[in-house]
Amino acid sequence: AAPAGRVPGPPYADCLECGKPTEYGVATPG
């Protein structure tokens, strides 16, 4: 599958390792 792109605005998903906001949307799989 093609990697999901960065989204222009919130809501952002939280990092699975540190919990900080990422550049990816909450609907990003994986």
PDB file of all heavy atoms in Angstrom:
ATOM      1  N   ALA A   1       0.844  -1.195   0.000  1.00  0.00           N
ATOM      2  CA  ALA A   1       0.000   0.000   0.000  1.00  0.00           C
ATOM      3  C   ALA A   1       0.880   1.246   0.000  1.00  0.00           C
ATOM      4  O   ALA A   1       1.959   1.259   0.564  1.00  0.00           O
ATOM      5  CB  ALA A   1      -0.901  -0.002   1.222  1.00  0.00           C
ATOM      6  N   ALA A   2       0.381   2.277  -0.630  1.00  0.00           N
ATOM      7  CA  ALA A   2       1.115   3.540  -0.650  1.00  0.00           C
ATOM      8  C   ALA A   2       1.105   4.147   0.747  1.00  0.00           C
ATOM      9  O   ALA A   2       0.093   4.072   1.447  1.00  0.00           O
ATOM     10  CB  ALA A   2       0.468   4.503  -1.635  1.00  0.00           C
ATOM     11  N   PRO A   3       2.221   4.716   1.183  1.00  0.00           N
ATOM     12  CA  PRO A   3       2.240   5.312   2.516  1.00  0.00           C
ATOM     13  C   PRO A   3       1.264   6.488   2.596  1.00  0.00           C
ATOM     14  O   PRO A   3       1.089   7.219   1.626  1.00  0.00           O
ATOM     15  CB  PRO A   3       3.678   5.770   2.696  1.00  0.00           C
ATOM     16  CG  PRO A   3       4.242   5.835   1.328  1.00  0.00           C
ATOM     17  CD  PRO A   3       3.469   4.867   0.481  1.00  0.00           C
ATOM     18  N   ALA A   4       0.658   6.639   3.741  1.00  0.00           N
ATOM     19  CA  ALA A   4      -0.277   7.745   3.942  1.00  0.00           C
ATOM     20  C   ALA A   4       0.503   9.052   4.009  1.00  0.00           C
ATOM     21  O   ALA A   4       1.581   9.116   4.582  1.00  0.00           O
ATOM     22  CB  ALA A   4      -1.062   7.540   5.223  1.00  0.00           C
ATOM     23  N   GLY A   5      -0.055  10.075   3.413  1.00  0.00           N
ATOM     24  CA  GLY A   5       0.621  11.364   3.411  1.00  0.00           C
ATOM     25  C   GLY A   5       0.322  12.163   4.670  1.00  0.00           C
ATOM     26  O   GLY A   5      -0.565  11.837   5.449  1.00  0.00           O
ATOM     27  N   ARG A   6       1.082  13.202   4.849  1.00  0.00           N
ATOM     28  CA  ARG A   6       0.857  14.083   5.993  1.00  0.00           C
ATOM     29  C   ARG A   6      -0.412  14.894   5.734  1.00  0.00           C
ATOM     30  O   ARG A   6      -0.723  15.230   4.599  1.00  0.00           O
ATOM     31  CB  ARG A   6       2.068  14.978   6.180  1.00  0.00           C
ATOM     32  CG  ARG A   6       3.271  14.176   6.651  1.00  0.00           C
ATOM     33  CD  ARG A   6       4.526  15.046   6.721  1.00  0.00           C
ATOM     34  NE  ARG A   6       5.595  14.368   7.403  1.00  0.00           N
ATOM     35  CZ  ARG A   6       6.400  13.482   6.834  1.00  0.00           C
ATOM     36  NH1 ARG A   6       6.256  13.162   5.571  1.00  0.00           N
ATOM     37  NH2 ARG A   6       7.358  12.900   7.528  1.00  0.00           N
ATOM     38  N   VAL A   7      -1.110  15.223   6.789  1.00  0.00           N
ATOM     39  CA  VAL A   7      -2.355  15.973   6.653  1.00  0.00           C
ATOM     40  C   VAL A   7      -2.096  17.452   6.958  1.00  0.00           C
ATOM     41  O   VAL A   7      -1.203  17.785   7.739  1.00  0.00           O
ATOM     42  CB  VAL A   7      -3.448  15.408   7.590  1.00  0.00           C
ATOM     43  CG1 VAL A   7      -3.833  14.019   7.168  1.00  0.00           C
ATOM     44  CG2 VAL A   7      -3.026  15.413   9.031  1.00  0.00           C
ATOM     45  N   PRO A   8      -2.877  18.365   6.336  1.00  0.00           N
ATOM     46  CA  PRO A   8      -2.627  19.789   6.520  1.00  0.00           C
ATOM     47  C   PRO A   8      -3.046  20.342   7.879  1.00  0.00           C
ATOM     48  O   PRO A   8      -2.582  21.387   8.291  1.00  0.00           O
ATOM     49  CB  PRO A   8      -3.427  20.436   5.404  1.00  0.00           C
ATOM     50  CG  PRO A   8      -4.503  19.462   5.091  1.00  0.00           C
ATOM     51  CD  PRO A   8      -3.927  18.109   5.366  1.00  0.00           C
ATOM     52  N   GLY A   9      -3.951  19.668   8.581  1.00  0.00           N
ATOM     53  CA  GLY A   9      -4.404  20.224   9.852  1.00  0.00           C
ATOM     54  C   GLY A   9      -4.896  19.156  10.803  1.00  0.00           C
ATOM     55  O   GLY A   9      -4.915  17.987  10.478  1.00  0.00           O
ATOM     56  N   PRO A  10      -5.297  19.575  12.030  1.00  0.00           N
ATOM     57  CA  PRO A  10      -5.747  18.625  13.050  1.00  0.00           C
ATOM     58  C   PRO A  10      -6.994  17.879  12.592  1.00  0.00           C
ATOM     59  O   PRO A  10      -7.670  18.336  11.680  1.00  0.00           O
ATOM     60  CB  PRO A  10      -6.036  19.498  14.256  1.00  0.00           C
ATOM     61  CG  PRO A  10      -5.566  20.860  13.953  1.00  0.00           C
ATOM     62  CD  PRO A  10      -5.312  20.941  12.492  1.00  0.00           C
ATOM     63  N   PRO A  11      -7.341  16.777  13.173  1.00  0.00           N
ATOM     64  CA  PRO A  11      -6.725  16.149  14.330  1.00  0.00           C
ATOM     65  C   PRO A  11      -5.531  15.288  13.927  1.00  0.00           C
ATOM     66  O   PRO A  11      -5.574  14.584  12.922  1.00  0.00           O
ATOM     67  CB  PRO A  11      -7.841  15.282  14.914  1.00  0.00           C
ATOM     68  CG  PRO A  11      -8.663  14.905  13.740  1.00  0.00           C
ATOM     69  CD  PRO A  11      -8.583  16.090  12.793  1.00  0.00           C
ATOM     70  N   TYR A  12      -4.474  15.387  14.691  1.00  0.00           N
ATOM     71  CA  TYR A  12      -3.267  14.612  14.447  1.00  0.00           C
ATOM     72  C   TYR A  12      -3.256  13.378  15.344  1.00  0.00           C
ATOM     73  O   TYR A  12      -3.729  13.414  16.477  1.00  0.00           O
ATOM     74  CB  TYR A  12      -2.017  15.441  14.736  1.00  0.00           C
ATOM     75  CG  TYR A  12      -1.841  16.613  13.801  1.00  0.00           C
ATOM     76  CD1 TYR A  12      -1.907  17.916  14.267  1.00  0.00           C
ATOM     77  CD2 TYR A  12      -1.598  16.403  12.452  1.00  0.00           C
ATOM     78  CE1 TYR A  12      -1.735  18.988  13.410  1.00  0.00           C
ATOM     79  CE2 TYR A  12      -1.435  17.474  11.590  1.00  0.00           C
ATOM     80  CZ  TYR A  12      -1.503  18.761  12.070  1.00  0.00           C
ATOM     81  OH  TYR A  12      -1.338  19.815  11.226  1.00  0.00           O
ATOM     82  N   ALA A  13      -2.673  12.302  14.843  1.00  0.00           N
ATOM     83  CA  ALA A  13      -2.529  11.087  15.644  1.00  0.00           C
ATOM     84  C   ALA A  13      -1.375  11.261  16.617  1.00  0.00           C
ATOM     85  O   ALA A  13      -0.442  12.019  16.364  1.00  0.00           O
ATOM     86  CB  ALA A  13      -2.258   9.894  14.732  1.00  0.00           C
ATOM     87  N   ASP A  14      -1.444  10.565  17.745  1.00  0.00           N
ATOM     88  CA  ASP A  14      -0.363  10.592  18.723  1.00  0.00           C
ATOM     89  C   ASP A  14       0.689   9.548  18.364  1.00  0.00           C
ATOM     90  O   ASP A  14       0.366   8.474  17.864  1.00  0.00           O
ATOM     91  CB  ASP A  14      -0.889  10.309  20.127  1.00  0.00           C
ATOM     92  CG  ASP A  14      -1.771  11.433  20.646  1.00  0.00           C
ATOM     93  OD1 ASP A  14      -1.594  12.580  20.195  1.00  0.00           O
ATOM     94  OD2 ASP A  14      -2.634  11.157  21.495  1.00  0.00           O
ATOM     95  N   CYS A  15       1.950   9.864  18.621  1.00  0.00           N
ATOM     96  CA  CYS A  15       3.058   8.943  18.387  1.00  0.00           C
ATOM     97  C   CYS A  15       2.892   7.726  19.286  1.00  0.00           C
ATOM     98  O   CYS A  15       2.560   7.843  20.464  1.00  0.00           O
ATOM     99  CB  CYS A  15       4.382   9.644  18.691  1.00  0.00           C
ATOM    100  SG  CYS A  15       5.832   8.582  18.518  1.00  0.00           S
ATOM    101  N   LEU A  16       3.131   6.556  18.740  1.00  0.00           N
ATOM    102  CA  LEU A  16       2.976   5.332  19.514  1.00  0.00           C
ATOM    103  C   LEU A  16       4.116   5.107  20.494  1.00  0.00           C
ATOM    104  O   LEU A  16       3.986   4.316  21.418  1.00  0.00           O
ATOM    105  CB  LEU A  16       2.856   4.126  18.582  1.00  0.00           C
ATOM    106  CG  LEU A  16       1.583   4.093  17.733  1.00  0.00           C
ATOM    107  CD1 LEU A  16       1.609   2.923  16.788  1.00  0.00           C
ATOM    108  CD2 LEU A  16       0.368   4.059  18.608  1.00  0.00           C
ATOM    109  N   GLU A  17       5.241   5.796  20.313  1.00  0.00           N
ATOM    110  CA  GLU A  17       6.377   5.613  21.219  1.00  0.00           C
ATOM    111  C   GLU A  17       6.442   6.672  22.312  1.00  0.00           C
ATOM    112  O   GLU A  17       6.650   6.353  23.472  1.00  0.00           O
ATOM    113  CB  GLU A  17       7.686   5.577  20.426  1.00  0.00           C
ATOM    114  CG  GLU A  17       7.811   4.311  19.608  1.00  0.00           C
ATOM    115  CD  GLU A  17       9.189   4.147  18.988  1.00  0.00           C
ATOM    116  OE1 GLU A  17      10.131   4.856  19.389  1.00  0.00           O
ATOM    117  OE2 GLU A  17       9.307   3.299  18.102  1.00  0.00           O
ATOM    118  N   CYS A  18       6.268   7.944  21.937  1.00  0.00           N
ATOM    119  CA  CYS A  18       6.428   9.000  22.948  1.00  0.00           C
ATOM    120  C   CYS A  18       5.128   9.722  23.281  1.00  0.00           C
ATOM    121  O   CYS A  18       5.078  10.444  24.265  1.00  0.00           O
ATOM    122  CB  CYS A  18       7.488  10.002  22.488  1.00  0.00           C
ATOM    123  SG  CYS A  18       6.976  11.012  21.081  1.00  0.00           S
ATOM    124  N   GLY A  19       4.090   9.580  22.481  1.00  0.00           N
ATOM    125  CA  GLY A  19       2.802  10.201  22.762  1.00  0.00           C
ATOM    126  C   GLY A  19       2.635  11.617  22.254  1.00  0.00           C
ATOM    127  O   GLY A  19       1.579  12.210  22.399  1.00  0.00           O
ATOM    128  N   LYS A  20       3.677  12.184  21.623  1.00  0.00           N
ATOM    129  CA  LYS A  20       3.577  13.537  21.087  1.00  0.00           C
ATOM    130  C   LYS A  20       2.775  13.516  19.788  1.00  0.00           C
ATOM    131  O   LYS A  20       2.688  12.490  19.117  1.00  0.00           O
ATOM    132  CB  LYS A  20       4.971  14.102  20.832  1.00  0.00           C
ATOM    133  CG  LYS A  20       5.753  14.325  22.102  1.00  0.00           C
ATOM    134  CD  LYS A  20       7.107  14.926  21.800  1.00  0.00           C
ATOM    135  CE  LYS A  20       7.884  15.123  23.104  1.00  0.00           C
ATOM    136  NZ  LYS A  20       9.235  15.619  22.843  1.00  0.00           N
ATOM    137  N   PRO A  21       2.191  14.655  19.392  1.00  0.00           N
ATOM    138  CA  PRO A  21       1.439  14.711  18.126  1.00  0.00           C
ATOM    139  C   PRO A  21       2.353  14.433  16.933  1.00  0.00           C
ATOM    140  O   PRO A  21       3.527  14.799  16.940  1.00  0.00           O
ATOM    141  CB  PRO A  21       0.908  16.139  18.073  1.00  0.00           C
ATOM    142  CG  PRO A  21       1.036  16.673  19.441  1.00  0.00           C
ATOM    143  CD  PRO A  21       2.126  15.908  20.120  1.00  0.00           C
ATOM    144  N   THR A  22       1.807  13.766  15.926  1.00  0.00           N
ATOM    145  CA  THR A  22       2.570  13.459  14.719  1.00  0.00           C
ATOM    146  C   THR A  22       2.111  14.361  13.585  1.00  0.00           C
ATOM    147  O   THR A  22       1.273  15.243  13.788  1.00  0.00           O
ATOM    148  CB  THR A  22       2.338  11.996  14.302  1.00  0.00           C
ATOM    149  OG1 THR A  22       0.982  11.848  13.911  1.00  0.00           O
ATOM    150  CG2 THR A  22       2.657  11.034  15.423  1.00  0.00           C
ATOM    151  N   GLU A  23       2.648  14.141  12.396  1.00  0.00           N
ATOM    152  CA  GLU A  23       2.234  14.888  11.213  1.00  0.00           C
ATOM    153  C   GLU A  23       1.167  14.135  10.436  1.00  0.00           C
ATOM    154  O   GLU A  23       0.792  14.544   9.350  1.00  0.00           O
ATOM    155  CB  GLU A  23       3.450  15.131  10.321  1.00  0.00           C
ATOM    156  CG  GLU A  23       4.519  15.965  11.001  1.00  0.00           C
ATOM    157  CD  GLU A  23       5.772  16.087  10.167  1.00  0.00           C
ATOM    158  OE1 GLU A  23       5.949  15.307   9.216  1.00  0.00           O
ATOM    159  OE2 GLU A  23       6.588  16.955  10.479  1.00  0.00           O
ATOM    160  N   TYR A  24       0.675  13.035  10.987  1.00  0.00           N
ATOM    161  CA  TYR A  24      -0.305  12.189  10.314  1.00  0.00           C
ATOM    162  C   TYR A  24      -1.671  12.326  10.966  1.00  0.00           C
ATOM    163  O   TYR A  24      -1.783  12.598  12.156  1.00  0.00           O
ATOM    164  CB  TYR A  24       0.142  10.727  10.367  1.00  0.00           C
ATOM    165  CG  TYR A  24       1.483  10.501   9.724  1.00  0.00           C
ATOM    166  CD1 TYR A  24       2.636  10.391  10.488  1.00  0.00           C
ATOM    167  CD2 TYR A  24       1.601  10.424   8.340  1.00  0.00           C
ATOM    168  CE1 TYR A  24       3.865  10.195   9.896  1.00  0.00           C
ATOM    169  CE2 TYR A  24       2.836  10.234   7.740  1.00  0.00           C
ATOM    170  CZ  TYR A  24       3.963  10.123   8.524  1.00  0.00           C
ATOM    171  OH  TYR A  24       5.176   9.935   7.941  1.00  0.00           O
ATOM    172  N   GLY A  25      -2.707  12.107  10.184  1.00  0.00           N
ATOM    173  CA  GLY A  25      -4.067  12.194  10.699  1.00  0.00           C
ATOM    174  C   GLY A  25      -4.423  11.002  11.571  1.00  0.00           C
ATOM    175  O   GLY A  25      -3.758   9.961  11.543  1.00  0.00           O
ATOM    176  N   VAL A  26      -5.487  11.148  12.353  1.00  0.00           N
ATOM    177  CA  VAL A  26      -5.893  10.077  13.260  1.00  0.00           C
ATOM    178  C   VAL A  26      -6.380   8.841  12.498  1.00  0.00           C
ATOM    179  O   VAL A  26      -6.373   7.751  13.047  1.00  0.00           O
ATOM    180  CB  VAL A  26      -6.989  10.551  14.250  1.00  0.00           C
ATOM    181  CG1 VAL A  26      -6.427  11.578  15.198  1.00  0.00           C
ATOM    182  CG2 VAL A  26      -8.193  11.073  13.520  1.00  0.00           C
ATOM    183  N   ALA A  27      -6.776   8.987  11.248  1.00  0.00           N
ATOM    184  CA  ALA A  27      -7.269   7.857  10.464  1.00  0.00           C
ATOM    185  C   ALA A  27      -6.144   7.104   9.748  1.00  0.00           C
ATOM    186  O   ALA A  27      -6.413   6.165   9.008  1.00  0.00           O
ATOM    187  CB  ALA A  27      -8.291   8.340   9.438  1.00  0.00           C
ATOM    188  N   THR A  28      -4.893   7.488   9.951  1.00  0.00           N
ATOM    189  CA  THR A  28      -3.765   6.842   9.295  1.00  0.00           C
ATOM    190  C   THR A  28      -3.575   5.437   9.847  1.00  0.00           C
ATOM    191  O   THR A  28      -3.422   5.262  11.055  1.00  0.00           O
ATOM    192  CB  THR A  28      -2.470   7.645   9.511  1.00  0.00           C
ATOM    193  OG1 THR A  28      -2.678   8.971   9.052  1.00  0.00           O
ATOM    194  CG2 THR A  28      -1.298   7.025   8.763  1.00  0.00           C
ATOM    195  N   PRO A  29      -3.594   4.401   8.981  1.00  0.00           N
ATOM    196  CA  PRO A  29      -3.411   3.034   9.469  1.00  0.00           C
ATOM    197  C   PRO A  29      -1.946   2.726   9.768  1.00  0.00           C
ATOM    198  O   PRO A  29      -1.044   3.400   9.273  1.00  0.00           O
ATOM    199  CB  PRO A  29      -3.906   2.180   8.299  1.00  0.00           C
ATOM    200  CG  PRO A  29      -3.663   3.021   7.095  1.00  0.00           C
ATOM    201  CD  PRO A  29      -3.847   4.448   7.552  1.00  0.00           C
ATOM    202  N   GLY A  30      -1.724   1.722  10.583  1.00  0.00           N
ATOM    203  CA  GLY A  30      -0.368   1.263  10.869  1.00  0.00           C
ATOM    204  C   GLY A  30       0.291   2.019  12.005  1.00  0.00           C
ATOM    205  O   GLY A  30      -0.344   2.760  12.751  1.00  0.00           O
TER     206      GLY A  30
END
